[in-house]
Every structure is written in structure tokens, then in C-alpha cells.
Amino acid sequence: MKHDRRTLDLFEDWQPPRVAVGGEVIRAHPDVDARISMAIADALRACGRPRDEIAAAMAAYLGRPVSPHTLNNYASAGQEGHCISLARSVALVAATHDPRLIADQLAPLGWAVIETRHVHAIRAGLARQRAAELTRIAREEEALWRAVS
């Protein structure tokens, strides 16, 4: 079939909207702590704000001090013994507005982090899938019932 070059293709450049956050680059490093340190370094770099501002925002979120020096240690894969806690990871996500720190660690486990605004759309899609499955089962059962009636 020939392509009509005079008609615009509405879907040529269309990309579906991103629903899940992160997971694009799964770290291959075998050490989980090193992968997390690399993810922290990426988040700090991508944020574009000074580390003292990020540390202050984390401290405000947690209600306890966080120093830029501590952030530097978290972001350095070579600093053994400086593993970020879950509470501080969440504070870092809140400060940088970058959930990839958590999302990239969950992706290899088959989990995704999504924006809250997509939850109902995903639930609706799952409900439609379940409804289709129940409809299929009902049709099969009705066919069996008719066959024995």
C-alpha cells in the first residue's frame, strides 16, 4: 500500500506518556550499596541545586540535621559504611523531586514507581481486564450449560 505523502500522520511523532518513573537505566553493579550511591550522585547532579540547599531541605523534611558532607559520602560509591537510610532516601526524593533513587532500585524486582495522578487510570485498566476475563468465563460457562441442557 502506498503512503500518501500529502496527509499528515498524527501518530508519527507521538510517544505514549510516561507513567512509571525511573527504571530506564538499571545499574549493573553487583553491589547494591554502590548502585544506590550512583543513583544518589545522579539525583544530586540532575537536581542542579547546591548540596547545602538539598541537605537543608532534607533536614527540614526529617526534622533533624543533614550535612552536605553526609550527602557527599552517600553519593560516593567508595565510602563504605555510609549507606543512606530509607527515611533519608525519602527525604532526598522530597528535596530533589527525583524519585529515581527509589524507582531504580525497585525496577529489577518488577516494581515501578508511578505518579499518583496515574493510579486511577491504572486501576480502571486493571478493572477492564478483570471484567473481560469474567465475561469470557461467563460465556464459556453458558456454552457448557447450553451443551448439557
N, C-alpha and C. Protein backbone atom coordinates (compact mmCIF):
# COMPACT_ATOMS: atom_id res chain seq x y z
N MET A 1 0.84 -1.17 0.00
CA MET A 1 0.00 0.00 0.00
C MET A 1 0.89 1.24 0.00
N LYS A 2 0.55 2.17 -0.87
CA LYS A 2 1.34 3.39 -0.97
C LYS A 2 1.04 4.33 0.19
N HIS A 3 2.06 5.05 0.59
CA HIS A 3 1.90 6.05 1.65
C HIS A 3 1.53 7.39 1.01
N ASP A 4 0.48 7.99 1.50
CA ASP A 4 0.04 9.28 0.99
C ASP A 4 0.88 10.36 1.66
N ARG A 5 1.77 10.97 0.92
CA ARG A 5 2.69 11.97 1.48
C ARG A 5 2.01 13.31 1.74
N ARG A 6 0.81 13.51 1.23
CA ARG A 6 0.11 14.78 1.44
C ARG A 6 -0.70 14.79 2.73
N THR A 7 -0.93 13.63 3.31
CA THR A 7 -1.72 13.54 4.54
C THR A 7 -0.78 13.40 5.73
N LEU A 8 -1.01 14.22 6.73
CA LEU A 8 -0.19 14.16 7.93
C LEU A 8 -0.50 12.90 8.73
N ASP A 9 0.53 12.32 9.26
CA ASP A 9 0.37 11.17 10.13
C ASP A 9 0.35 11.68 11.57
N LEU A 10 -0.81 11.62 12.19
CA LEU A 10 -0.97 12.17 13.54
C LEU A 10 -0.15 11.41 14.58
N PHE A 11 0.18 10.17 14.28
CA PHE A 11 0.88 9.35 15.28
C PHE A 11 2.36 9.19 14.98
N GLU A 12 2.86 9.85 13.96
CA GLU A 12 4.26 9.69 13.55
C GLU A 12 5.23 10.04 14.68
N ASP A 13 5.02 11.16 15.33
CA ASP A 13 5.93 11.60 16.39
C ASP A 13 5.38 11.37 17.78
N TRP A 14 4.22 10.75 17.86
CA TRP A 14 3.56 10.58 19.16
C TRP A 14 4.28 9.53 20.00
N GLN A 15 4.48 9.85 21.22
CA GLN A 15 5.02 8.91 22.19
C GLN A 15 4.01 8.78 23.32
N PRO A 16 3.77 7.58 23.81
CA PRO A 16 2.83 7.46 24.93
C PRO A 16 3.40 8.18 26.16
N PRO A 17 2.53 8.71 27.00
CA PRO A 17 3.03 9.42 28.19
C PRO A 17 3.74 8.45 29.14
N ARG A 18 4.74 8.97 29.83
CA ARG A 18 5.45 8.17 30.83
C ARG A 18 4.55 8.01 32.04
N VAL A 19 4.41 6.80 32.49
CA VAL A 19 3.62 6.54 33.69
C VAL A 19 4.56 6.20 34.83
N ALA A 20 5.46 5.26 34.60
CA ALA A 20 6.41 4.87 35.63
C ALA A 20 7.59 5.83 35.63
N VAL A 21 8.16 6.00 36.80
CA VAL A 21 9.32 6.87 36.97
C VAL A 21 10.54 5.99 37.16
N GLY A 22 11.62 6.33 36.47
CA GLY A 22 12.87 5.59 36.64
C GLY A 22 12.85 4.28 35.88
N GLY A 23 13.82 3.44 36.19
CA GLY A 23 13.90 2.13 35.57
C GLY A 23 14.51 2.13 34.18
N GLU A 24 14.80 3.30 33.61
CA GLU A 24 15.36 3.34 32.26
C GLU A 24 16.77 2.76 32.25
N VAL A 25 17.54 3.08 33.26
CA VAL A 25 18.91 2.59 33.32
C VAL A 25 19.06 1.80 34.62
N ILE A 26 19.08 0.51 34.47
CA ILE A 26 19.25 -0.34 35.64
C ILE A 26 20.75 -0.56 35.82
N ARG A 27 21.23 -0.21 36.96
CA ARG A 27 22.65 -0.34 37.24
C ARG A 27 23.07 -1.80 37.23
N ALA A 28 24.17 -2.10 36.60
CA ALA A 28 24.67 -3.47 36.51
C ALA A 28 25.63 -3.80 37.65
N HIS A 29 25.97 -2.81 38.46
CA HIS A 29 26.93 -3.05 39.54
C HIS A 29 26.37 -4.11 40.49
N PRO A 30 27.17 -5.10 40.85
CA PRO A 30 26.66 -6.17 41.72
C PRO A 30 26.41 -5.72 43.16
N ASP A 31 27.04 -4.64 43.59
CA ASP A 31 26.90 -4.18 44.97
C ASP A 31 25.74 -3.19 45.07
N VAL A 32 24.73 -3.55 45.84
CA VAL A 32 23.54 -2.71 46.00
C VAL A 32 23.92 -1.34 46.55
N ASP A 33 24.79 -1.29 47.53
CA ASP A 33 25.19 -0.01 48.12
C ASP A 33 25.84 0.90 47.08
N ALA A 34 26.67 0.32 46.21
CA ALA A 34 27.31 1.11 45.16
C ALA A 34 26.27 1.63 44.17
N ARG A 35 25.28 0.78 43.81
CA ARG A 35 24.22 1.23 42.90
C ARG A 35 23.44 2.38 43.50
N ILE A 36 23.15 2.30 44.80
CA ILE A 36 22.41 3.37 45.46
C ILE A 36 23.24 4.64 45.51
N SER A 37 24.53 4.51 45.78
CA SER A 37 25.41 5.68 45.78
C SER A 37 25.43 6.35 44.41
N MET A 38 25.49 5.54 43.35
CA MET A 38 25.48 6.10 41.99
C MET A 38 24.14 6.79 41.70
N ALA A 39 23.05 6.21 42.18
CA ALA A 39 21.74 6.83 41.97
C ALA A 39 21.64 8.15 42.73
N ILE A 40 22.20 8.20 43.93
CA ILE A 40 22.22 9.45 44.70
C ILE A 40 23.02 10.51 43.97
N ALA A 41 24.20 10.12 43.48
CA ALA A 41 25.03 11.07 42.72
C ALA A 41 24.28 11.59 41.50
N ASP A 42 23.56 10.70 40.79
CA ASP A 42 22.77 11.12 39.62
C ASP A 42 21.69 12.11 40.03
N ALA A 43 20.98 11.82 41.11
CA ALA A 43 19.90 12.70 41.57
C ALA A 43 20.44 14.07 41.97
N LEU A 44 21.57 14.08 42.66
CA LEU A 44 22.16 15.36 43.08
C LEU A 44 22.63 16.16 41.87
N ARG A 45 23.21 15.48 40.91
CA ARG A 45 23.70 16.15 39.69
C ARG A 45 22.52 16.68 38.87
N ALA A 46 21.48 15.88 38.72
CA ALA A 46 20.32 16.28 37.90
C ALA A 46 19.52 17.39 38.55
N CYS A 47 19.55 17.46 39.85
CA CYS A 47 18.77 18.47 40.57
C CYS A 47 19.24 19.89 40.24
N GLY A 48 20.54 20.05 40.13
CA GLY A 48 21.08 21.35 39.78
C GLY A 48 21.15 22.34 40.92
N ARG A 49 20.76 21.93 42.10
CA ARG A 49 20.84 22.82 43.27
C ARG A 49 22.09 22.48 44.07
N PRO A 50 22.63 23.46 44.80
CA PRO A 50 23.80 23.17 45.64
C PRO A 50 23.46 22.14 46.72
N ARG A 51 24.46 21.38 47.08
CA ARG A 51 24.23 20.31 48.06
C ARG A 51 23.85 20.84 49.43
N ASP A 52 24.31 22.05 49.77
CA ASP A 52 23.91 22.59 51.08
C ASP A 52 22.41 22.89 51.10
N GLU A 53 21.86 23.32 49.96
CA GLU A 53 20.40 23.55 49.88
C GLU A 53 19.63 22.24 49.97
N ILE A 54 20.13 21.23 49.28
CA ILE A 54 19.48 19.92 49.33
C ILE A 54 19.53 19.35 50.74
N ALA A 55 20.69 19.46 51.39
CA ALA A 55 20.84 18.99 52.77
C ALA A 55 19.88 19.73 53.70
N ALA A 56 19.74 21.04 53.51
CA ALA A 56 18.82 21.83 54.34
C ALA A 56 17.38 21.40 54.10
N ALA A 57 17.02 21.12 52.85
CA ALA A 57 15.66 20.67 52.56
C ALA A 57 15.41 19.29 53.17
N MET A 58 16.40 18.42 53.12
CA MET A 58 16.26 17.10 53.75
C MET A 58 16.10 17.24 55.26
N ALA A 59 16.91 18.13 55.86
CA ALA A 59 16.82 18.35 57.30
C ALA A 59 15.45 18.87 57.69
N ALA A 60 14.90 19.78 56.88
CA ALA A 60 13.57 20.31 57.16
C ALA A 60 12.53 19.19 57.07
N TYR A 61 12.67 18.31 56.11
CA TYR A 61 11.74 17.20 55.94
C TYR A 61 11.82 16.23 57.12
N LEU A 62 13.05 15.92 57.54
CA LEU A 62 13.26 14.94 58.60
C LEU A 62 13.10 15.50 60.01
N GLY A 63 13.33 16.80 60.14
CA GLY A 63 13.30 17.40 61.47
C GLY A 63 14.57 17.13 62.26
N ARG A 64 15.64 16.82 61.57
CA ARG A 64 16.95 16.62 62.20
C ARG A 64 18.03 16.98 61.19
N PRO A 65 19.23 17.30 61.66
CA PRO A 65 20.27 17.81 60.77
C PRO A 65 20.75 16.80 59.72
N VAL A 66 21.05 17.32 58.55
CA VAL A 66 21.71 16.57 57.47
C VAL A 66 22.75 17.52 56.91
N SER A 67 23.99 17.09 56.85
CA SER A 67 25.05 17.96 56.35
C SER A 67 25.36 17.68 54.88
N PRO A 68 25.87 18.69 54.18
CA PRO A 68 26.33 18.44 52.80
C PRO A 68 27.43 17.37 52.75
N HIS A 69 28.26 17.32 53.80
CA HIS A 69 29.32 16.31 53.87
C HIS A 69 28.71 14.91 53.88
N THR A 70 27.62 14.74 54.60
CA THR A 70 26.93 13.45 54.63
C THR A 70 26.41 13.10 53.25
N LEU A 71 25.84 14.09 52.55
CA LEU A 71 25.36 13.86 51.18
C LEU A 71 26.50 13.42 50.27
N ASN A 72 27.65 14.07 50.41
CA ASN A 72 28.82 13.70 49.61
C ASN A 72 29.22 12.25 49.87
N ASN A 73 29.17 11.84 51.14
CA ASN A 73 29.50 10.46 51.48
C ASN A 73 28.49 9.48 50.88
N TYR A 74 27.20 9.83 50.94
CA TYR A 74 26.18 8.97 50.36
C TYR A 74 26.38 8.81 48.85
N ALA A 75 26.81 9.87 48.19
CA ALA A 75 26.97 9.87 46.74
C ALA A 75 28.27 9.22 46.28
N SER A 76 29.14 8.88 47.19
CA SER A 76 30.43 8.29 46.84
C SER A 76 30.39 6.78 47.03
N ALA A 77 30.49 6.04 45.93
CA ALA A 77 30.45 4.57 45.99
C ALA A 77 31.64 4.02 46.77
N GLY A 78 32.71 4.80 46.88
CA GLY A 78 33.90 4.34 47.58
C GLY A 78 33.84 4.51 49.09
N GLN A 79 32.84 5.20 49.59
CA GLN A 79 32.71 5.44 51.03
C GLN A 79 31.93 4.29 51.68
N GLU A 80 32.65 3.26 52.11
CA GLU A 80 31.99 2.15 52.77
C GLU A 80 31.46 2.60 54.12
N GLY A 81 30.32 2.04 54.48
CA GLY A 81 29.73 2.36 55.78
C GLY A 81 28.87 3.61 55.78
N HIS A 82 28.72 4.25 54.64
CA HIS A 82 27.87 5.44 54.55
C HIS A 82 26.65 5.11 53.68
N CYS A 83 25.82 4.21 54.18
CA CYS A 83 24.62 3.80 53.46
C CYS A 83 23.45 4.67 53.92
N ILE A 84 22.71 5.19 52.97
CA ILE A 84 21.59 6.05 53.28
C ILE A 84 20.42 5.21 53.80
N SER A 85 19.74 5.72 54.81
CA SER A 85 18.57 5.02 55.36
C SER A 85 17.37 5.26 54.46
N LEU A 86 16.33 4.49 54.66
CA LEU A 86 15.11 4.69 53.87
C LEU A 86 14.52 6.07 54.15
N ALA A 87 14.50 6.48 55.42
CA ALA A 87 13.95 7.80 55.77
C ALA A 87 14.73 8.91 55.05
N ARG A 88 16.03 8.81 55.03
CA ARG A 88 16.84 9.83 54.35
C ARG A 88 16.70 9.73 52.83
N SER A 89 16.48 8.50 52.31
CA SER A 89 16.22 8.35 50.87
C SER A 89 14.94 9.09 50.49
N VAL A 90 13.90 8.93 51.30
CA VAL A 90 12.64 9.62 51.03
C VAL A 90 12.83 11.13 51.14
N ALA A 91 13.60 11.56 52.13
CA ALA A 91 13.89 12.99 52.28
C ALA A 91 14.65 13.52 51.07
N LEU A 92 15.58 12.72 50.53
CA LEU A 92 16.32 13.13 49.34
C LEU A 92 15.39 13.24 48.13
N VAL A 93 14.47 12.29 48.00
CA VAL A 93 13.48 12.36 46.92
C VAL A 93 12.64 13.62 47.07
N ALA A 94 12.22 13.92 48.29
CA ALA A 94 11.42 15.13 48.53
C ALA A 94 12.22 16.39 48.21
N ALA A 95 13.50 16.39 48.54
CA ALA A 95 14.34 17.58 48.33
C ALA A 95 14.69 17.79 46.86
N THR A 96 14.91 16.69 46.13
CA THR A 96 15.33 16.80 44.73
C THR A 96 14.16 16.67 43.75
N HIS A 97 13.04 16.20 44.24
CA HIS A 97 11.87 15.92 43.39
C HIS A 97 12.23 14.90 42.31
N ASP A 98 13.09 13.96 42.67
CA ASP A 98 13.57 12.95 41.74
C ASP A 98 13.40 11.56 42.37
N PRO A 99 12.31 10.85 42.05
CA PRO A 99 12.07 9.56 42.68
C PRO A 99 12.88 8.40 42.09
N ARG A 100 13.76 8.69 41.13
CA ARG A 100 14.54 7.61 40.52
C ARG A 100 15.40 6.87 41.53
N LEU A 101 15.82 7.54 42.59
CA LEU A 101 16.64 6.89 43.63
C LEU A 101 15.95 5.63 44.12
N ILE A 102 14.66 5.72 44.37
CA ILE A 102 13.91 4.57 44.85
C ILE A 102 13.44 3.71 43.68
N ALA A 103 12.95 4.35 42.62
CA ALA A 103 12.39 3.63 41.47
C ALA A 103 13.42 2.70 40.83
N ASP A 104 14.65 3.17 40.66
CA ASP A 104 15.67 2.36 40.01
C ASP A 104 16.07 1.15 40.83
N GLN A 105 15.88 1.21 42.14
CA GLN A 105 16.21 0.06 42.98
C GLN A 105 15.08 -0.97 42.96
N LEU A 106 13.85 -0.50 42.73
CA LEU A 106 12.70 -1.40 42.69
C LEU A 106 12.49 -2.06 41.33
N ALA A 107 12.93 -1.39 40.26
CA ALA A 107 12.69 -1.89 38.90
C ALA A 107 13.21 -3.32 38.68
N PRO A 108 14.41 -3.68 39.13
CA PRO A 108 14.87 -5.05 38.91
C PRO A 108 14.02 -6.09 39.63
N LEU A 109 13.24 -5.64 40.61
CA LEU A 109 12.38 -6.55 41.36
C LEU A 109 10.99 -6.66 40.74
N GLY A 110 10.78 -5.94 39.65
CA GLY A 110 9.50 -5.99 38.97
C GLY A 110 8.49 -4.96 39.45
N TRP A 111 8.95 -3.96 40.18
CA TRP A 111 8.07 -2.92 40.71
C TRP A 111 8.36 -1.60 40.01
N ALA A 112 7.36 -0.73 40.01
CA ALA A 112 7.52 0.58 39.40
C ALA A 112 6.98 1.65 40.34
N VAL A 113 7.57 2.82 40.26
CA VAL A 113 7.07 3.98 40.99
C VAL A 113 6.30 4.81 39.98
N ILE A 114 5.07 5.15 40.32
CA ILE A 114 4.23 5.93 39.41
C ILE A 114 3.76 7.19 40.11
N GLU A 115 3.43 8.19 39.30
CA GLU A 115 2.86 9.41 39.86
C GLU A 115 1.44 9.10 40.31
N THR A 116 1.03 9.67 41.42
CA THR A 116 -0.28 9.43 42.00
C THR A 116 -1.40 9.70 41.00
N ARG A 117 -1.20 10.68 40.13
CA ARG A 117 -2.26 11.04 39.19
C ARG A 117 -2.59 9.91 38.21
N HIS A 118 -1.72 8.89 38.09
CA HIS A 118 -1.97 7.79 37.18
C HIS A 118 -2.62 6.58 37.85
N VAL A 119 -2.76 6.60 39.16
CA VAL A 119 -3.25 5.44 39.90
C VAL A 119 -4.64 5.02 39.43
N HIS A 120 -5.56 5.98 39.32
CA HIS A 120 -6.93 5.62 38.96
C HIS A 120 -7.02 5.09 37.53
N ALA A 121 -6.22 5.63 36.63
CA ALA A 121 -6.21 5.13 35.25
C ALA A 121 -5.71 3.69 35.21
N ILE A 122 -4.70 3.39 36.00
CA ILE A 122 -4.17 2.02 36.04
C ILE A 122 -5.19 1.09 36.65
N ARG A 123 -5.83 1.51 37.75
CA ARG A 123 -6.87 0.69 38.36
C ARG A 123 -8.03 0.45 37.39
N ALA A 124 -8.42 1.48 36.65
CA ALA A 124 -9.50 1.33 35.67
C ALA A 124 -9.11 0.31 34.61
N GLY A 125 -7.87 0.37 34.13
CA GLY A 125 -7.40 -0.60 33.15
C GLY A 125 -7.40 -2.02 33.70
N LEU A 126 -6.97 -2.17 34.94
CA LEU A 126 -6.98 -3.50 35.56
C LEU A 126 -8.41 -4.00 35.74
N ALA A 127 -9.32 -3.10 36.10
CA ALA A 127 -10.73 -3.49 36.25
C ALA A 127 -11.31 -3.93 34.91
N ARG A 128 -10.96 -3.21 33.82
CA ARG A 128 -11.42 -3.61 32.48
C ARG A 128 -10.88 -4.98 32.10
N GLN A 129 -9.61 -5.24 32.43
CA GLN A 129 -9.03 -6.55 32.15
C GLN A 129 -9.78 -7.64 32.91
N ARG A 130 -10.07 -7.38 34.18
CA ARG A 130 -10.78 -8.36 35.01
C ARG A 130 -12.19 -8.57 34.48
N ALA A 131 -12.86 -7.48 34.07
CA ALA A 131 -14.21 -7.59 33.53
C ALA A 131 -14.21 -8.43 32.26
N ALA A 132 -13.21 -8.23 31.39
CA ALA A 132 -13.11 -9.03 30.17
C ALA A 132 -12.90 -10.50 30.50
N GLU A 133 -12.08 -10.78 31.49
CA GLU A 133 -11.84 -12.15 31.90
C GLU A 133 -13.12 -12.78 32.45
N LEU A 134 -13.86 -12.04 33.28
CA LEU A 134 -15.12 -12.56 33.82
C LEU A 134 -16.16 -12.77 32.72
N THR A 135 -16.18 -11.88 31.76
CA THR A 135 -17.10 -12.04 30.61
C THR A 135 -16.76 -13.30 29.84
N ARG A 136 -15.47 -13.54 29.61
CA ARG A 136 -15.04 -14.75 28.91
C ARG A 136 -15.45 -16.00 29.68
N ILE A 137 -15.24 -15.99 30.99
CA ILE A 137 -15.61 -17.15 31.83
C ILE A 137 -17.12 -17.37 31.78
N ALA A 138 -17.89 -16.28 31.88
CA ALA A 138 -19.35 -16.39 31.84
C ALA A 138 -19.81 -17.00 30.52
N ARG A 139 -19.22 -16.57 29.40
CA ARG A 139 -19.59 -17.12 28.09
C ARG A 139 -19.25 -18.60 28.00
N GLU A 140 -18.10 -18.99 28.51
CA GLU A 140 -17.72 -20.40 28.49
C GLU A 140 -18.68 -21.24 29.33
N GLU A 141 -19.03 -20.73 30.50
CA GLU A 141 -19.95 -21.46 31.39
C GLU A 141 -21.34 -21.56 30.77
N GLU A 142 -21.80 -20.48 30.13
CA GLU A 142 -23.10 -20.52 29.46
C GLU A 142 -23.09 -21.52 28.32
N ALA A 143 -21.99 -21.58 27.57
CA ALA A 143 -21.89 -22.55 26.48
C ALA A 143 -21.93 -23.98 27.02
N LEU A 144 -21.27 -24.24 28.11
CA LEU A 144 -21.30 -25.56 28.72
C LEU A 144 -22.70 -25.89 29.23
N TRP A 145 -23.35 -24.91 29.81
CA TRP A 145 -24.71 -25.10 30.32
C TRP A 145 -25.68 -25.44 29.19
N ARG A 146 -25.53 -24.71 28.05
CA ARG A 146 -26.39 -24.97 26.89
C ARG A 146 -26.12 -26.37 26.33
N ALA A 147 -24.86 -26.79 26.37
CA ALA A 147 -24.50 -28.10 25.83
C ALA A 147 -25.12 -29.24 26.63
N VAL A 148 -25.32 -29.05 27.91
CA VAL A 148 -25.89 -30.13 28.76
C VAL A 148 -27.40 -29.96 28.92
N SER A 149 -27.97 -28.86 28.49
CA SER A 149 -29.41 -28.63 28.65
C SER A 149 -30.20 -29.27 27.55
